[in-house]
Amino acid sequence: MLKNRWISDGRNWVLSKMEKLRRFIRRETRRGQGISRAVMLEHTLFSLPLAICAFLLESGGRPGFSTVLWILLAVFAARNGANALNRLIDRKIDAENPRTADRDLPSGRVKLRDLWIFTIVCGLLFLFSAAMLNPLCLFLVPLGALLIGGYSFTKRFTWLCHFWLGITCSAAVMGSFLALSGRFEIRYFPLTIAAALWIAGFDIIYALQDIDHDRSHGIHSVPARFGYPGALYIAGMSHGGTLFFLLVNMAFFKVGLWYAAGVVIAALILVAEHILAWKGDVKWIPLASYHLNQILSPVVLLFTVLDIYMPGGLYGL
């Protein structure tokens, strides 16, 4: 009898611990999913492919494994930490905007403490990754922090906030170059500038959704300052600059027809984006500003890879 009771108690203890573990896993999974939604984890696709282009071009298609690992971790940490910090700083603005009031932080689905912890962890990972790359990358961490932290405040006083965002995100491209060489070179700037103008342009289009709210609440943006058509003209010039600098990049790295084909497809994506935006209906803006642009940088990366590795390419085997 005593033995049976011990067995029963042991089984109940194990089942109790398993149930607690199951609840813990379910709770932490929900927490992780909430943070992932809050920082829009999938939008890492905007900057990451061009950062990969940078280190592939600079390394001749043969980057070292450890360097690639630390670059990818640095880009991931910087991008997602930056977006988490932006959500924290802008939480009151988001709560006042009907379009963003249901986001995870303003709605309370994600706790303020959890997002702060995530931001700090990302910041530490970014710092450590930079330190593992080279002294220049580590030295530039404060500048990166200034760009990241400053963006959320720029919309409070200047319509140039979109270009600040573009410069901030394009630092991933420049950082990838610097991670390999440890010094600035002129040839690094065309691809970096292309990334900055591309991101600024589609962020301007994205801000068309909030033109009335921004004007009534004193939020600065290109659409709020110049109106719907004016904003699209500025976004168009920005994206024209993107294509120009993608082509200039060809001269510096002597890439060929595969890369050029990627630029042509990128141009078609941007044209489609602007056609949708010019419809004048904000329901098309998420497709124009986000979904199409999630395709663009992977396309440029794909055709850069083809140019590098295909037989007859610049570094083809």
Protein backbone atom coordinates (compact mmCIF):
# COMPACT_ATOMS: atom_id res chain seq x y z
CA MET A 1 0.00 0.00 0.00
CA LEU A 2 2.77 2.39 0.97
CA LYS A 3 4.63 1.58 -2.24
CA ASN A 4 1.52 2.24 -4.33
CA ARG A 5 0.98 5.55 -2.58
CA TRP A 6 4.58 6.58 -3.29
CA ILE A 7 4.12 5.67 -6.95
CA SER A 8 0.86 7.63 -7.09
CA ASP A 9 2.40 10.65 -5.35
CA GLY A 10 5.42 10.49 -7.65
CA ARG A 11 3.22 10.33 -10.72
CA ASN A 12 1.13 13.26 -9.50
CA TRP A 13 4.28 15.26 -8.76
CA VAL A 14 5.61 14.61 -12.28
CA LEU A 15 2.26 15.49 -13.85
CA SER A 16 2.10 18.68 -11.77
CA LYS A 17 5.58 19.74 -12.88
CA MET A 18 4.78 18.92 -16.51
CA GLU A 19 1.62 21.02 -16.32
CA LYS A 20 3.57 23.94 -14.86
CA LEU A 21 6.16 23.56 -17.60
CA ARG A 22 3.44 23.48 -20.25
CA ARG A 23 1.87 26.65 -18.86
CA PHE A 24 5.28 28.34 -18.68
CA ILE A 25 6.08 27.44 -22.29
CA ARG A 26 2.66 28.61 -23.46
CA ARG A 27 2.96 31.89 -21.54
CA GLU A 28 6.48 32.61 -22.79
CA THR A 29 5.50 31.68 -26.35
CA ARG A 30 2.64 34.18 -26.22
CA ARG A 31 5.02 36.78 -24.81
CA GLY A 32 7.54 36.12 -27.56
CA GLN A 33 4.87 36.28 -30.24
CA GLY A 34 3.63 39.57 -28.84
CA ILE A 35 7.11 41.10 -28.90
CA SER A 36 7.66 39.75 -32.42
CA ARG A 37 4.46 41.43 -33.59
CA ALA A 38 5.29 44.64 -31.74
CA VAL A 39 8.68 45.04 -33.42
CA MET A 40 7.46 43.61 -36.76
CA LEU A 41 10.21 41.02 -36.83
CA GLU A 42 9.51 40.13 -40.45
CA HIS A 43 10.49 43.65 -41.52
CA THR A 44 14.12 42.72 -40.94
CA LEU A 45 13.82 41.81 -44.63
CA PHE A 46 14.09 45.48 -45.54
CA SER A 47 17.72 46.09 -44.57
CA LEU A 48 19.21 42.61 -44.18
CA PRO A 49 19.40 41.54 -47.86
CA LEU A 50 21.27 44.71 -48.86
CA ALA A 51 23.63 44.23 -45.92
CA ILE A 52 24.30 40.72 -47.25
CA CYS A 53 24.92 42.21 -50.71
CA ALA A 54 27.51 44.50 -49.14
CA PHE A 55 29.62 41.81 -47.51
CA LEU A 56 29.35 39.51 -50.53
CA LEU A 57 30.59 42.26 -52.86
CA GLU A 58 33.36 43.36 -50.53
CA SER A 59 34.57 39.82 -49.82
CA GLY A 60 34.52 38.65 -53.41
CA GLY A 61 31.76 36.23 -52.57
CA ARG A 62 33.83 34.47 -49.93
CA PRO A 63 33.20 36.06 -46.53
CA GLY A 64 34.45 34.28 -43.43
CA PHE A 65 31.85 32.38 -41.43
CA SER A 66 32.48 34.15 -38.13
CA THR A 67 32.34 37.58 -39.79
CA VAL A 68 29.03 36.73 -41.45
CA LEU A 69 27.64 35.46 -38.15
CA TRP A 70 28.51 38.64 -36.25
CA ILE A 71 27.25 40.89 -39.06
CA LEU A 72 23.91 39.09 -39.15
CA LEU A 73 23.57 39.22 -35.37
CA ALA A 74 24.47 42.91 -35.33
CA VAL A 75 21.92 43.75 -38.04
CA PHE A 76 19.22 41.66 -36.37
CA ALA A 77 19.87 43.19 -32.94
CA ALA A 78 20.14 46.78 -34.17
CA ARG A 79 17.04 46.64 -36.36
CA ASN A 80 14.74 44.94 -33.84
CA GLY A 81 16.11 46.85 -30.86
CA ALA A 82 15.55 50.07 -32.79
CA ASN A 83 11.96 49.18 -33.62
CA ALA A 84 11.28 48.18 -30.01
CA LEU A 85 12.70 51.49 -28.79
CA ASN A 86 10.59 53.33 -31.35
CA ARG A 87 7.47 51.59 -30.06
CA LEU A 88 8.38 52.56 -26.50
CA ILE A 89 9.06 56.21 -27.30
CA ASP A 90 6.01 56.56 -29.54
CA ARG A 91 3.56 54.60 -27.40
CA LYS A 92 1.46 57.68 -26.56
CA ILE A 93 1.40 58.82 -30.19
CA ASP A 94 0.39 55.31 -31.26
CA ALA A 95 -2.36 55.21 -28.64
CA GLU A 96 -3.85 58.47 -30.00
CA ASN A 97 -3.86 57.30 -33.62
CA PRO A 98 -6.87 55.11 -34.53
CA ARG A 99 -4.74 53.21 -37.06
CA THR A 100 -2.10 52.23 -34.49
CA ALA A 101 -4.09 52.18 -31.24
CA ASP A 102 -4.57 48.41 -31.51
CA ARG A 103 -0.84 47.69 -31.69
CA ASP A 104 0.41 45.31 -29.04
CA LEU A 105 1.96 47.91 -26.73
CA PRO A 106 -0.80 50.58 -26.73
CA SER A 107 -3.47 47.89 -26.40
CA GLY A 108 -1.68 46.28 -23.46
CA ARG A 109 -1.09 42.90 -25.08
CA VAL A 110 2.65 43.46 -24.61
CA LYS A 111 3.94 44.75 -21.29
CA LEU A 112 6.14 47.83 -21.16
CA ARG A 113 8.68 45.94 -19.03
CA ASP A 114 8.98 43.10 -21.54
CA LEU A 115 9.66 45.46 -24.44
CA TRP A 116 12.26 47.37 -22.41
CA ILE A 117 14.01 44.09 -21.57
CA PHE A 118 13.95 43.11 -25.25
CA THR A 119 15.39 46.50 -26.23
CA ILE A 120 18.21 46.25 -23.70
CA VAL A 121 19.07 42.68 -24.74
CA CYS A 122 19.18 43.75 -28.39
CA GLY A 123 21.39 46.69 -27.48
CA LEU A 124 23.85 44.47 -25.63
CA LEU A 125 23.88 41.95 -28.48
CA PHE A 126 24.55 44.76 -30.96
CA LEU A 127 27.42 46.06 -28.83
CA PHE A 128 28.94 42.61 -28.40
CA SER A 129 28.61 41.78 -32.11
CA ALA A 130 30.31 45.04 -33.10
CA ALA A 131 33.13 44.33 -30.65
CA MET A 132 33.63 40.90 -32.22
CA LEU A 133 34.01 42.42 -35.70
CA ASN A 134 36.72 45.09 -35.48
CA PRO A 135 37.69 48.25 -33.53
CA LEU A 136 36.07 50.62 -36.06
CA CYS A 137 32.70 48.88 -35.75
CA LEU A 138 32.92 49.10 -31.97
CA PHE A 139 33.97 52.76 -32.15
CA LEU A 140 30.91 53.56 -34.30
CA VAL A 141 28.39 51.97 -31.91
CA PRO A 142 27.60 55.32 -30.18
CA LEU A 143 26.84 56.86 -33.60
CA GLY A 144 24.53 53.96 -34.34
CA ALA A 145 22.82 54.44 -30.98
CA LEU A 146 22.36 58.15 -31.74
CA LEU A 147 20.76 57.39 -35.11
CA ILE A 148 18.49 54.74 -33.60
CA GLY A 149 17.47 56.75 -30.55
CA GLY A 150 17.10 60.01 -32.45
CA TYR A 151 14.69 58.80 -35.11
CA SER A 152 11.59 58.67 -32.91
CA PHE A 153 12.14 62.27 -31.84
CA THR A 154 12.70 63.69 -35.34
CA LYS A 155 9.03 63.39 -36.26
CA ARG A 156 8.35 65.81 -33.42
CA PHE A 157 10.18 68.68 -35.12
CA THR A 158 11.05 67.98 -38.79
CA TRP A 159 9.52 66.44 -41.90
CA LEU A 160 13.01 65.11 -42.71
CA CYS A 161 12.33 62.25 -40.26
CA HIS A 162 11.91 59.82 -43.17
CA PHE A 163 15.43 60.51 -44.35
CA TRP A 164 16.79 60.10 -40.83
CA LEU A 165 15.12 56.67 -40.82
CA GLY A 166 16.66 55.88 -44.20
CA ILE A 167 20.14 56.83 -43.01
CA THR A 168 19.66 54.80 -39.82
CA CYS A 169 18.60 51.65 -41.68
CA SER A 170 21.27 52.06 -44.35
CA ALA A 171 23.90 51.94 -41.61
CA ALA A 172 23.44 48.16 -41.82
CA VAL A 173 24.84 48.29 -45.36
CA MET A 174 27.78 50.54 -44.49
CA GLY A 175 28.40 48.50 -41.36
CA SER A 176 28.67 45.30 -43.39
CA PHE A 177 31.32 46.88 -45.59
CA LEU A 178 33.24 48.19 -42.59
CA ALA A 179 33.02 44.85 -40.80
CA LEU A 180 35.14 43.31 -43.54
CA SER A 181 37.62 46.10 -44.29
CA GLY A 182 37.81 48.09 -41.05
CA ARG A 183 38.03 51.38 -42.98
CA PHE A 184 35.84 53.71 -45.03
CA GLU A 185 36.07 53.53 -48.83
CA ILE A 186 34.31 55.63 -51.48
CA ARG A 187 32.94 52.49 -53.13
CA TYR A 188 30.84 51.73 -50.05
CA PHE A 189 28.65 54.81 -50.44
CA PRO A 190 26.55 54.13 -53.59
CA LEU A 191 24.85 51.02 -52.18
CA THR A 192 24.49 52.68 -48.77
CA ILE A 193 22.89 55.80 -50.26
CA ALA A 194 20.62 53.65 -52.44
CA ALA A 195 19.37 51.88 -49.30
CA ALA A 196 18.82 55.17 -47.45
CA LEU A 197 16.81 56.75 -50.29
CA TRP A 198 14.79 53.59 -50.87
CA ILE A 199 13.73 53.32 -47.22
CA ALA A 200 13.01 57.06 -46.95
CA GLY A 201 10.86 56.88 -50.07
CA PHE A 202 8.63 54.04 -48.97
CA ASP A 203 8.37 55.48 -45.45
CA ILE A 204 7.01 58.68 -47.01
CA ILE A 205 4.41 56.61 -48.86
CA TYR A 206 3.57 54.74 -45.65
CA ALA A 207 2.99 58.06 -43.85
CA LEU A 208 0.24 58.96 -46.34
CA GLN A 209 -2.10 56.89 -44.18
CA ASP A 210 -1.72 59.34 -41.30
CA ILE A 211 -1.70 62.68 -43.11
CA ASP A 212 -4.82 64.06 -41.37
CA HIS A 213 -3.90 62.70 -37.95
CA ASP A 214 -0.33 64.00 -38.19
CA ARG A 215 -1.51 67.49 -39.12
CA SER A 216 -4.04 67.65 -36.30
CA HIS A 217 -1.58 66.35 -33.68
CA GLY A 218 1.51 68.27 -34.72
CA ILE A 219 3.41 65.24 -36.03
CA HIS A 220 5.93 66.21 -38.71
CA SER A 221 6.09 64.22 -41.94
CA VAL A 222 6.52 64.85 -45.65
CA PRO A 223 2.80 64.16 -46.35
CA ALA A 224 1.71 66.46 -43.51
CA ARG A 225 4.00 69.22 -44.83
CA PHE A 226 3.57 68.89 -48.60
CA GLY A 227 0.26 67.07 -49.03
CA TYR A 228 -0.57 63.83 -50.82
CA PRO A 229 0.70 64.68 -54.33
CA GLY A 230 3.75 66.54 -53.03
CA ALA A 231 4.71 63.59 -50.86
CA LEU A 232 4.49 61.21 -53.80
CA TYR A 233 6.68 63.49 -55.93
CA ILE A 234 9.31 63.54 -53.17
CA ALA A 235 9.05 59.76 -52.71
CA GLY A 236 9.41 59.36 -56.47
CA MET A 237 12.57 61.46 -56.53
CA SER A 238 13.92 59.47 -53.61
CA HIS A 239 13.31 56.20 -55.41
CA GLY A 240 14.77 57.61 -58.61
CA GLY A 241 17.90 58.28 -56.57
CA THR A 242 17.79 54.69 -55.33
CA LEU A 243 17.93 53.31 -58.86
CA PHE A 244 20.65 55.78 -59.85
CA PHE A 245 22.92 54.74 -56.99
CA LEU A 246 22.23 51.04 -57.56
CA LEU A 247 23.56 51.58 -61.07
CA VAL A 248 26.52 53.62 -59.83
CA ASN A 249 27.33 50.68 -57.57
CA MET A 250 27.94 48.62 -60.72
CA ALA A 251 30.91 50.79 -61.65
CA PHE A 252 32.57 50.43 -58.26
CA PHE A 253 32.23 46.66 -57.98
CA LYS A 254 32.17 45.86 -61.71
CA VAL A 255 29.16 43.60 -61.45
CA GLY A 256 27.45 42.62 -64.68
CA LEU A 257 24.21 41.70 -66.41
CA TRP A 258 22.71 39.61 -63.63
CA TYR A 259 23.02 42.51 -61.21
CA ALA A 260 21.65 44.91 -63.85
CA ALA A 261 18.64 42.62 -64.34
CA GLY A 262 18.01 42.80 -60.60
CA VAL A 263 18.04 46.60 -60.76
CA VAL A 264 15.53 46.51 -63.63
CA ILE A 265 13.19 44.28 -61.61
CA ALA A 266 13.65 46.57 -58.60
CA ALA A 267 12.66 49.50 -60.83
CA LEU A 268 9.50 47.68 -61.93
CA ILE A 269 8.60 46.99 -58.29
CA LEU A 270 9.04 50.68 -57.45
CA VAL A 271 6.92 51.71 -60.45
CA ALA A 272 4.15 49.34 -59.31
CA GLU A 273 4.43 50.78 -55.81
CA HIS A 274 3.94 54.33 -57.05
CA ILE A 275 1.08 53.38 -59.37
CA LEU A 276 -0.75 51.94 -56.37
CA ALA A 277 0.02 54.98 -54.23
CA TRP A 278 -1.21 57.38 -56.92
CA LYS A 279 -4.63 55.71 -56.84
CA GLY A 280 -5.33 58.08 -53.96
CA ASP A 281 -6.94 55.40 -51.79
CA VAL A 282 -5.09 54.68 -48.55
CA LYS A 283 -6.24 51.05 -48.62
CA TRP A 284 -3.47 50.44 -51.17
CA ILE A 285 -0.74 52.04 -49.05
CA PRO A 286 0.22 48.96 -46.97
CA LEU A 287 0.69 46.95 -50.17
CA ALA A 288 2.62 49.78 -51.84
CA SER A 289 4.82 50.76 -48.92
CA TYR A 290 5.47 47.47 -47.12
CA HIS A 291 4.59 44.31 -48.99
CA LEU A 292 6.16 45.23 -52.33
CA ASN A 293 9.27 46.54 -50.62
CA GLN A 294 9.69 43.26 -48.76
CA ILE A 295 10.27 41.76 -52.21
CA LEU A 296 12.64 44.41 -53.54
CA SER A 297 15.75 43.90 -51.45
CA PRO A 298 15.64 40.06 -51.69
CA VAL A 299 15.40 40.49 -55.48
CA VAL A 300 18.50 42.71 -55.51
CA LEU A 301 20.29 40.18 -53.29
CA LEU A 302 19.28 37.23 -55.48
CA PHE A 303 20.60 38.83 -58.66
CA THR A 304 23.74 40.02 -56.91
CA VAL A 305 24.38 36.42 -55.82
CA LEU A 306 23.80 35.21 -59.39
CA ASP A 307 26.22 37.82 -60.70
CA ILE A 308 28.86 36.78 -58.20
CA TYR A 309 28.62 33.01 -58.38
CA MET A 310 27.31 32.12 -61.83
CA PRO A 311 29.95 30.98 -64.36
CA GLY A 312 31.17 34.05 -66.19
CA GLY A 313 30.16 36.35 -63.33
CA LEU A 314 32.59 38.63 -61.56
CA TYR A 315 33.59 35.94 -59.08
CA GLY A 316 32.00 32.95 -60.81
CA LEU A 317 33.59 29.61 -60.05
